[in-house]
C-alpha atoms as a PDB file:
ATOM      1  CA  MET A   1      10.095   2.645  -9.423  1.00  0.00           C
ATOM      2  CA  TYR A   2      11.801   5.238  -7.573  1.00  0.00           C
ATOM      3  CA  GLY A   3      15.030   5.095  -9.795  1.00  0.00           C
ATOM      4  CA  ALA A   4      18.631   4.174  -9.269  1.00  0.00           C
ATOM      5  CA  ASP A   5      18.991   6.025  -6.194  1.00  0.00           C
ATOM      6  CA  GLY A   6      15.411   6.981  -5.116  1.00  0.00           C
ATOM      7  CA  TRP A   7      15.388   3.978  -2.454  1.00  0.00           C
ATOM      8  CA  CYS A   8      17.274   3.220   0.687  1.00  0.00           C
ATOM      9  CA  HIS A   9      19.213  -0.150  -0.064  1.00  0.00           C
ATOM     10  CA  SER A  10      18.889  -1.013   3.551  1.00  0.00           C
ATOM     11  CA  CYS A  11      15.657  -0.825   4.406  1.00  0.00           C
ATOM     12  CA  GLY A  12      13.721  -0.714   1.505  1.00  0.00           C
ATOM     13  CA  VAL A  13      12.179   2.569   2.185  1.00  0.00           C
ATOM     14  CA  PRO A  14      11.546   5.377  -0.755  1.00  0.00           C
ATOM     15  CA  LYS A  15      13.180   8.655  -0.649  1.00  0.00           C
ATOM     16  CA  HIS A  16      10.750  10.290  -2.688  1.00  0.00           C
ATOM     17  CA  GLU A  17       6.994   9.345  -4.237  1.00  0.00           C
ATOM     18  CA  GLN A  18       7.119   7.023  -7.150  1.00  0.00           C
ATOM     19  CA  VAL A  19       8.644   8.141 -10.467  1.00  0.00           C
ATOM     20  CA  GLY A  20       8.747   5.166 -13.076  1.00  0.00           C
ATOM     21  CA  SER A  21       7.503   1.873 -13.643  1.00  0.00           C
ATOM     22  CA  LEU A  22       7.265  -1.312 -11.478  1.00  0.00           C
ATOM     23  CA  VAL A  23       9.297  -4.165 -13.040  1.00  0.00           C
ATOM     24  CA  LEU A  24       8.213  -7.677 -12.188  1.00  0.00           C
ATOM     25  CA  GLN A  25       9.799 -10.984 -13.376  1.00  0.00           C
ATOM     26  CA  GLY A  26       7.359 -12.942 -15.784  1.00  0.00           C
ATOM     27  CA  LYS A  27       7.808 -16.353 -14.061  1.00  0.00           C
ATOM     28  CA  GLY A  28       4.925 -18.003 -12.395  1.00  0.00           C
ATOM     29  CA  MET A  29       2.690 -15.965 -14.018  1.00  0.00           C
ATOM     30  CA  ALA A  30       0.759 -17.270 -16.962  1.00  0.00           C
ATOM     31  CA  LYS A  31      -0.573 -14.348 -17.660  1.00  0.00           C
ATOM     32  CA  ALA A  32      -1.524 -11.089 -16.207  1.00  0.00           C
ATOM     33  CA  GLU A  33      -5.188 -11.543 -15.140  1.00  0.00           C
ATOM     34  CA  GLY A  34      -7.421  -9.659 -12.354  1.00  0.00           C
ATOM     35  CA  ALA A  35      -5.566  -8.067  -9.765  1.00  0.00           C
ATOM     36  CA  TRP A  36      -2.812  -9.100  -7.621  1.00  0.00           C
ATOM     37  CA  VAL A  37      -0.083  -7.514  -5.148  1.00  0.00           C
ATOM     38  CA  PRO A  38       3.601  -8.356  -5.984  1.00  0.00           C
ATOM     39  CA  ASN A  39       4.837 -10.722  -3.076  1.00  0.00           C
ATOM     40  CA  TRP A  40       7.971  -8.725  -2.373  1.00  0.00           C
ATOM     41  CA  LEU A  41       6.123  -5.355  -2.336  1.00  0.00           C
ATOM     42  CA  PHE A  42       3.052  -5.084  -0.226  1.00  0.00           C
ATOM     43  CA  ASP A  43       1.361  -1.591  -0.916  1.00  0.00           C
ATOM     44  CA  ALA A  44       1.833  -1.585  -4.700  1.00  0.00           C
ATOM     45  CA  TYR A  45      -1.243  -3.005  -6.608  1.00  0.00           C
ATOM     46  CA  CYS A  46      -1.320  -4.093 -10.240  1.00  0.00           C
ATOM     47  CA  LEU A  47      -4.198  -4.632 -12.669  1.00  0.00           C
ATOM     48  CA  ASP A  48      -4.739  -6.543 -16.097  1.00  0.00           C
ATOM     49  CA  ALA A  49      -5.010  -4.245 -18.874  1.00  0.00           C
ATOM     50  CA  ARG A  50      -8.744  -4.974 -18.917  1.00  0.00           C
ATOM     51  CA  THR A  51      -9.511  -4.281 -15.517  1.00  0.00           C
ATOM     52  CA  ALA A  52      -7.411  -1.357 -15.637  1.00  0.00           C
ATOM     53  CA  ASP A  53      -9.482   0.139 -18.351  1.00  0.00           C
ATOM     54  CA  ALA A  54     -12.745  -0.405 -16.718  1.00  0.00           C
ATOM     55  CA  ALA A  55     -11.296   1.136 -13.469  1.00  0.00           C
ATOM     56  CA  VAL A  56     -10.429   4.511 -14.972  1.00  0.00           C
ATOM     57  CA  GLU A  57     -13.403   5.136 -16.598  1.00  0.00           C
ATOM     58  CA  ARG A  58     -15.136   4.472 -13.082  1.00  0.00           C
ATOM     59  CA  PHE A  59     -12.727   6.299 -11.025  1.00  0.00           C
ATOM     60  CA  SER A  60      -9.252   9.134 -10.734  1.00  0.00           C
ATOM     61  CA  LEU A  61      -6.697   6.916 -10.642  1.00  0.00           C
ATOM     62  CA  GLU A  62      -2.859   7.669 -11.342  1.00  0.00           C
ATOM     63  CA  LEU A  63      -1.683   4.244 -13.588  1.00  0.00           C
ATOM     64  CA  LEU A  64       1.670   3.152 -14.424  1.00  0.00           C
ATOM     65  CA  PRO A  65       2.438   0.197 -17.109  1.00  0.00           C
ATOM     66  CA  VAL A  66       3.700  -2.501 -15.541  1.00  0.00           C
ATOM     67  CA  LEU A  67       7.298  -3.641 -17.535  1.00  0.00           C
ATOM     68  CA  TRP A  68       8.197  -6.853 -17.487  1.00  0.00           C
ATOM     69  CA  HIS A  69      11.973  -8.671 -17.691  1.00  0.00           C
ATOM     70  CA  GLY A  70      11.853 -11.809 -20.042  1.00  0.00           C
ATOM     71  CA  ARG A  71       9.438 -12.541 -22.710  1.00  0.00           C
ATOM     72  CA  ARG A  72       6.011 -10.762 -21.659  1.00  0.00           C
ATOM     73  CA  PRO A  73       5.086  -7.457 -23.298  1.00  0.00           C
ATOM     74  CA  ASP A  74       4.701  -4.604 -21.394  1.00  0.00           C
ATOM     75  CA  GLY A  75       1.468  -2.632 -21.384  1.00  0.00           C
ATOM     76  CA  ASP A  76      -0.602  -5.946 -20.528  1.00  0.00           C
ATOM     77  CA  ALA A  77      -0.937  -4.869 -16.535  1.00  0.00           C
ATOM     78  CA  MET A  78      -1.110  -1.557 -15.133  1.00  0.00           C
ATOM     79  CA  GLN A  79      -0.072  -0.254 -11.854  1.00  0.00           C
ATOM     80  CA  ILE A  80      -1.967   1.766  -9.476  1.00  0.00           C
ATOM     81  CA  VAL A  81       0.004   4.591  -7.778  1.00  0.00           C
ATOM     82  CA  ALA A  82      -0.969   4.650  -4.293  1.00  0.00           C
ATOM     83  CA  ARG A  83       0.469   8.478  -3.232  1.00  0.00           C
ATOM     84  CA  SER A  84       0.744   9.479   0.737  1.00  0.00           C
ATOM     85  CA  SER A  85      -1.135  11.966   2.059  1.00  0.00           C
ATOM     86  CA  ALA A  86       0.667  14.593   3.814  1.00  0.00           C
ATOM     87  CA  GLN A  87      -0.829  14.402   7.204  1.00  0.00           C
ATOM     88  CA  SER A  88       0.329  11.861   9.681  1.00  0.00           C
ATOM     89  CA  TRP A  89      -2.613   9.013  10.228  1.00  0.00           C
ATOM     90  CA  PHE A  90      -1.385   7.822  13.586  1.00  0.00           C
ATOM     91  CA  GLU A  91      -0.720   8.869  17.152  1.00  0.00           C
ATOM     92  CA  PRO A  92       2.733   8.041  17.582  1.00  0.00           C
ATOM     93  CA  GLU A  93       2.277   7.624  21.333  1.00  0.00           C
ATOM     94  CA  TRP A  94      -0.541   4.829  20.508  1.00  0.00           C
ATOM     95  CA  LEU A  95       1.269   3.116  17.812  1.00  0.00           C
ATOM     96  CA  SER A  96       4.017   2.849  19.800  1.00  0.00           C
ATOM     97  CA  LYS A  97       1.978   0.935  22.817  1.00  0.00           C
ATOM     98  CA  LEU A  98       0.290  -1.361  20.038  1.00  0.00           C
ATOM     99  CA  THR A  99       3.386  -2.175  18.131  1.00  0.00           C
ATOM    100  CA  SER A 100       5.479  -3.081  21.262  1.00  0.00           C
ATOM    101  CA  SER A 101       2.495  -4.727  22.423  1.00  0.00           C
ATOM    102  CA  VAL A 102       2.576  -7.116  19.533  1.00  0.00           C
ATOM    103  CA  HIS A 103       6.481  -7.292  18.781  1.00  0.00           C
ATOM    104  CA  GLY A 104       8.022  -6.509  22.207  1.00  0.00           C
ATOM    105  CA  VAL A 105       9.164  -3.481  20.381  1.00  0.00           C
ATOM    106  CA  ALA A 106       7.867  -0.061  18.596  1.00  0.00           C
ATOM    107  CA  GLY A 107       9.953  -0.135  15.600  1.00  0.00           C
ATOM    108  CA  ALA A 108      13.515   1.012  14.567  1.00  0.00           C
ATOM    109  CA  THR A 109      14.970   3.836  12.764  1.00  0.00           C
ATOM    110  CA  CYS A 110      17.243   2.784   9.600  1.00  0.00           C
ATOM    111  CA  PRO A 111      20.808   3.603  10.401  1.00  0.00           C
ATOM    112  CA  ASP A 112      21.533   4.801   6.592  1.00  0.00           C
ATOM    113  CA  CYS A 113      18.688   6.779   5.642  1.00  0.00           C
ATOM    114  CA  ARG A 114      17.358   7.607   8.999  1.00  0.00           C
ATOM    115  CA  VAL A 115      13.634   6.944   8.681  1.00  0.00           C
ATOM    116  CA  TRP A 116      11.842   5.456  11.200  1.00  0.00           C
ATOM    117  CA  ARG A 117       9.722   2.093  10.551  1.00  0.00           C
ATOM    118  CA  TRP A 118       6.873   1.026  12.651  1.00  0.00           C
ATOM    119  CA  MET A 119       6.663  -2.840  12.997  1.00  0.00           C
ATOM    120  CA  PRO A 120       4.009  -4.524  11.020  1.00  0.00           C
ATOM    121  CA  VAL A 121       0.467  -4.400  12.151  1.00  0.00           C
ATOM    122  CA  GLY A 122      -2.606  -4.480   9.936  1.00  0.00           C
ATOM    123  CA  MET A 123      -4.983  -1.700   9.214  1.00  0.00           C
ATOM    124  CA  GLU A 124      -7.728  -3.785  11.220  1.00  0.00           C
ATOM    125  CA  ASP A 125      -5.590  -3.314  14.788  1.00  0.00           C
ATOM    126  CA  LEU A 126      -4.884   0.593  13.665  1.00  0.00           C
ATOM    127  CA  GLN A 127      -6.922   3.916  14.403  1.00  0.00           C
ATOM    128  CA  LEU A 128      -8.582   5.395  11.492  1.00  0.00           C
ATOM    129  CA  PRO A 129      -6.792   8.257  10.172  1.00  0.00           C
ATOM    130  CA  PRO A 130      -7.937  11.947  10.020  1.00  0.00           C
ATOM    131  CA  ALA A 131     -11.091  12.837   8.135  1.00  0.00           C
ATOM    132  CA  ASN A 132      -9.215  15.018   6.214  1.00  0.00           C
ATOM    133  CA  VAL A 133      -6.968  12.662   4.766  1.00  0.00           C
ATOM    134  CA  PHE A 134     -10.229  11.656   2.534  1.00  0.00           C
ATOM    135  CA  LYS A 135     -10.751  15.542   1.717  1.00  0.00           C
ATOM    136  CA  GLY A 136     -11.767  15.108  -2.277  1.00  0.00           C
ATOM    137  CA  ASP A 137     -12.910  11.671  -1.496  1.00  0.00           C
ATOM    138  CA  PRO A 138      -9.209   9.798  -3.306  1.00  0.00           C
ATOM    139  CA  ALA A 139     -10.176   6.652  -4.653  1.00  0.00           C
ATOM    140  CA  VAL A 140      -6.926   4.977  -2.905  1.00  0.00           C
ATOM    141  CA  VAL A 141      -4.592   6.970  -0.417  1.00  0.00           C
ATOM    142  CA  ALA A 142      -1.290   5.806   1.321  1.00  0.00           C
ATOM    143  CA  SER A 143      -0.098   6.407   4.742  1.00  0.00           C
ATOM    144  CA  PRO A 144       3.093   8.748   5.300  1.00  0.00           C
ATOM    145  CA  GLU A 145       4.163   6.249   8.181  1.00  0.00           C
ATOM    146  CA  TRP A 146       6.332   3.478   7.074  1.00  0.00           C
ATOM    147  CA  PHE A 147       5.849  -0.121   8.402  1.00  0.00           C
ATOM    148  CA  GLY A 148       8.353  -3.051   8.393  1.00  0.00           C
ATOM    149  CA  ASP A 149      11.044  -5.273   9.203  1.00  0.00           C
ATOM    150  CA  GLY A 150      14.409  -6.279   7.631  1.00  0.00           C
ATOM    151  CA  ALA A 151      14.575  -5.250   4.012  1.00  0.00           C
ATOM    152  CA  GLN A 152      10.670  -4.902   3.790  1.00  0.00           C
ATOM    153  CA  ALA A 153       9.101  -1.739   3.907  1.00  0.00           C
ATOM    154  CA  PHE A 154       5.275  -0.755   2.875  1.00  0.00           C
ATOM    155  CA  ARG A 155       2.632   2.180   3.879  1.00  0.00           C
ATOM    156  CA  GLN A 156      -0.866   1.432   4.872  1.00  0.00           C
ATOM    157  CA  ILE A 157      -3.162   1.820   2.105  1.00  0.00           C
ATOM    158  CA  LEU A 158      -7.365   2.476   2.518  1.00  0.00           C
ATOM    159  CA  TRP A 159      -9.627   2.254  -0.425  1.00  0.00           C
ATOM    160  CA  ARG A 160     -12.567   3.858  -1.412  1.00  0.00           C
ATOM    161  CA  ARG A 161     -15.345   0.925  -1.070  1.00  0.00           C
ATOM    162  CA  ASP A 162     -16.431   0.856  -4.602  1.00  0.00           C
ATOM    163  CA  LEU A 163     -12.936   0.338  -5.872  1.00  0.00           C
ATOM    164  CA  ALA A 164     -12.359  -2.214  -3.079  1.00  0.00           C
ATOM    165  CA  GLN A 165     -15.294  -3.790  -4.538  1.00  0.00           C
ATOM    166  CA  LEU A 166     -13.656  -3.861  -8.294  1.00  0.00           C
ATOM    167  CA  LEU A 167     -10.565  -5.906  -7.032  1.00  0.00           C
ATOM    168  CA  LEU A 168     -12.541  -8.161  -4.887  1.00  0.00           C
ATOM    169  CA  LYS A 169     -14.960  -9.319  -7.836  1.00  0.00           C
ATOM    170  CA  VAL A 170     -12.001  -9.574 -10.253  1.00  0.00           C
ATOM    171  CA  SER A 171      -9.572 -11.597  -7.874  1.00  0.00           C
ATOM    172  CA  PRO A 172     -11.886 -12.965  -5.197  1.00  0.00           C
ATOM    173  CA  ARG A 173      -9.115 -15.214  -3.614  1.00  0.00           C
ATOM    174  CA  ASP A 174      -6.957 -12.713  -3.340  1.00  0.00           C
ATOM    175  CA  PHE A 175      -8.320 -10.035  -1.785  1.00  0.00           C
ATOM    176  CA  LYS A 176     -11.258  -9.561   1.155  1.00  0.00           C
ATOM    177  CA  LEU A 177     -12.948  -6.562   2.116  1.00  0.00           C
ATOM    178  CA  GLN A 178     -12.350  -5.505   5.526  1.00  0.00           C
ATOM    179  CA  GLU A 179     -13.864  -2.787   7.490  1.00  0.00           C
ATOM    180  CA  VAL A 180     -12.181  -0.294   8.863  1.00  0.00           C
ATOM    181  CA  ALA A 181     -12.983   0.764  12.208  1.00  0.00           C
ATOM    182  CA  ASN A 182     -12.431   3.526  14.345  1.00  0.00           C
ATOM    183  CA  ARG A 183     -10.180   2.935  17.415  1.00  0.00           C
ATOM    184  CA  PRO A 184      -9.962   5.086  20.003  1.00  0.00           C
ATOM    185  CA  SER A 185      -6.960   5.927  21.947  1.00  0.00           C
ATOM    186  CA  ASP A 186      -7.457   2.803  24.598  1.00  0.00           C
ATOM    187  CA  GLY A 187      -7.427   0.512  22.174  1.00  0.00           C
ATOM    188  CA  ARG A 188     -11.150  -0.647  22.051  1.00  0.00           C
ATOM    189  CA  PRO A 189     -12.564  -1.444  19.022  1.00  0.00           C
ATOM    190  CA  GLY A 190     -15.052   1.616  17.820  1.00  0.00           C
ATOM    191  CA  LYS A 191     -17.514   1.768  14.961  1.00  0.00           C
ATOM    192  CA  PRO A 192     -16.873   0.678  11.517  1.00  0.00           C
ATOM    193  CA  ARG A 193     -16.656   3.170   8.599  1.00  0.00           C
END
């Protein structure tokens, strides 16, 4: 996905945006069907070929073919590439208080790549990103902030409602539609958007 040296081997944070295909093991999947998230890469979303065709007809999406180890044919699934916005989504002081209250620590800097990762929290607990993140009405957008612990790293991902509904329709057991609430800096719940 990021090239041989395109990600930190200590913490899992990529050093740049994705440049190549996601490679998955074919074990455990009878066939590529519906939509799913690989169980080790929580900000990668995959679609079977039929769902991917329907999605690109309706939405402006960047897709890359999923490649498989083993006997599965390449191209029977596609990955939606979620690009990070240039602007930060979250106020560092507020996020520090939140993650510290949940985990006892806000996060840590990787000793190898020097990237700060916030401890994991769900989008439902976070502030709504600034409005200009949604300029141009992107179908999917990722936070520039990284979250995770150990060797796992992920970004927060937001979807346009109609695309989220498509994922829910094709894989209702794997996804749920969740409103994003605008939380003020005092942490109280805000109005859904």
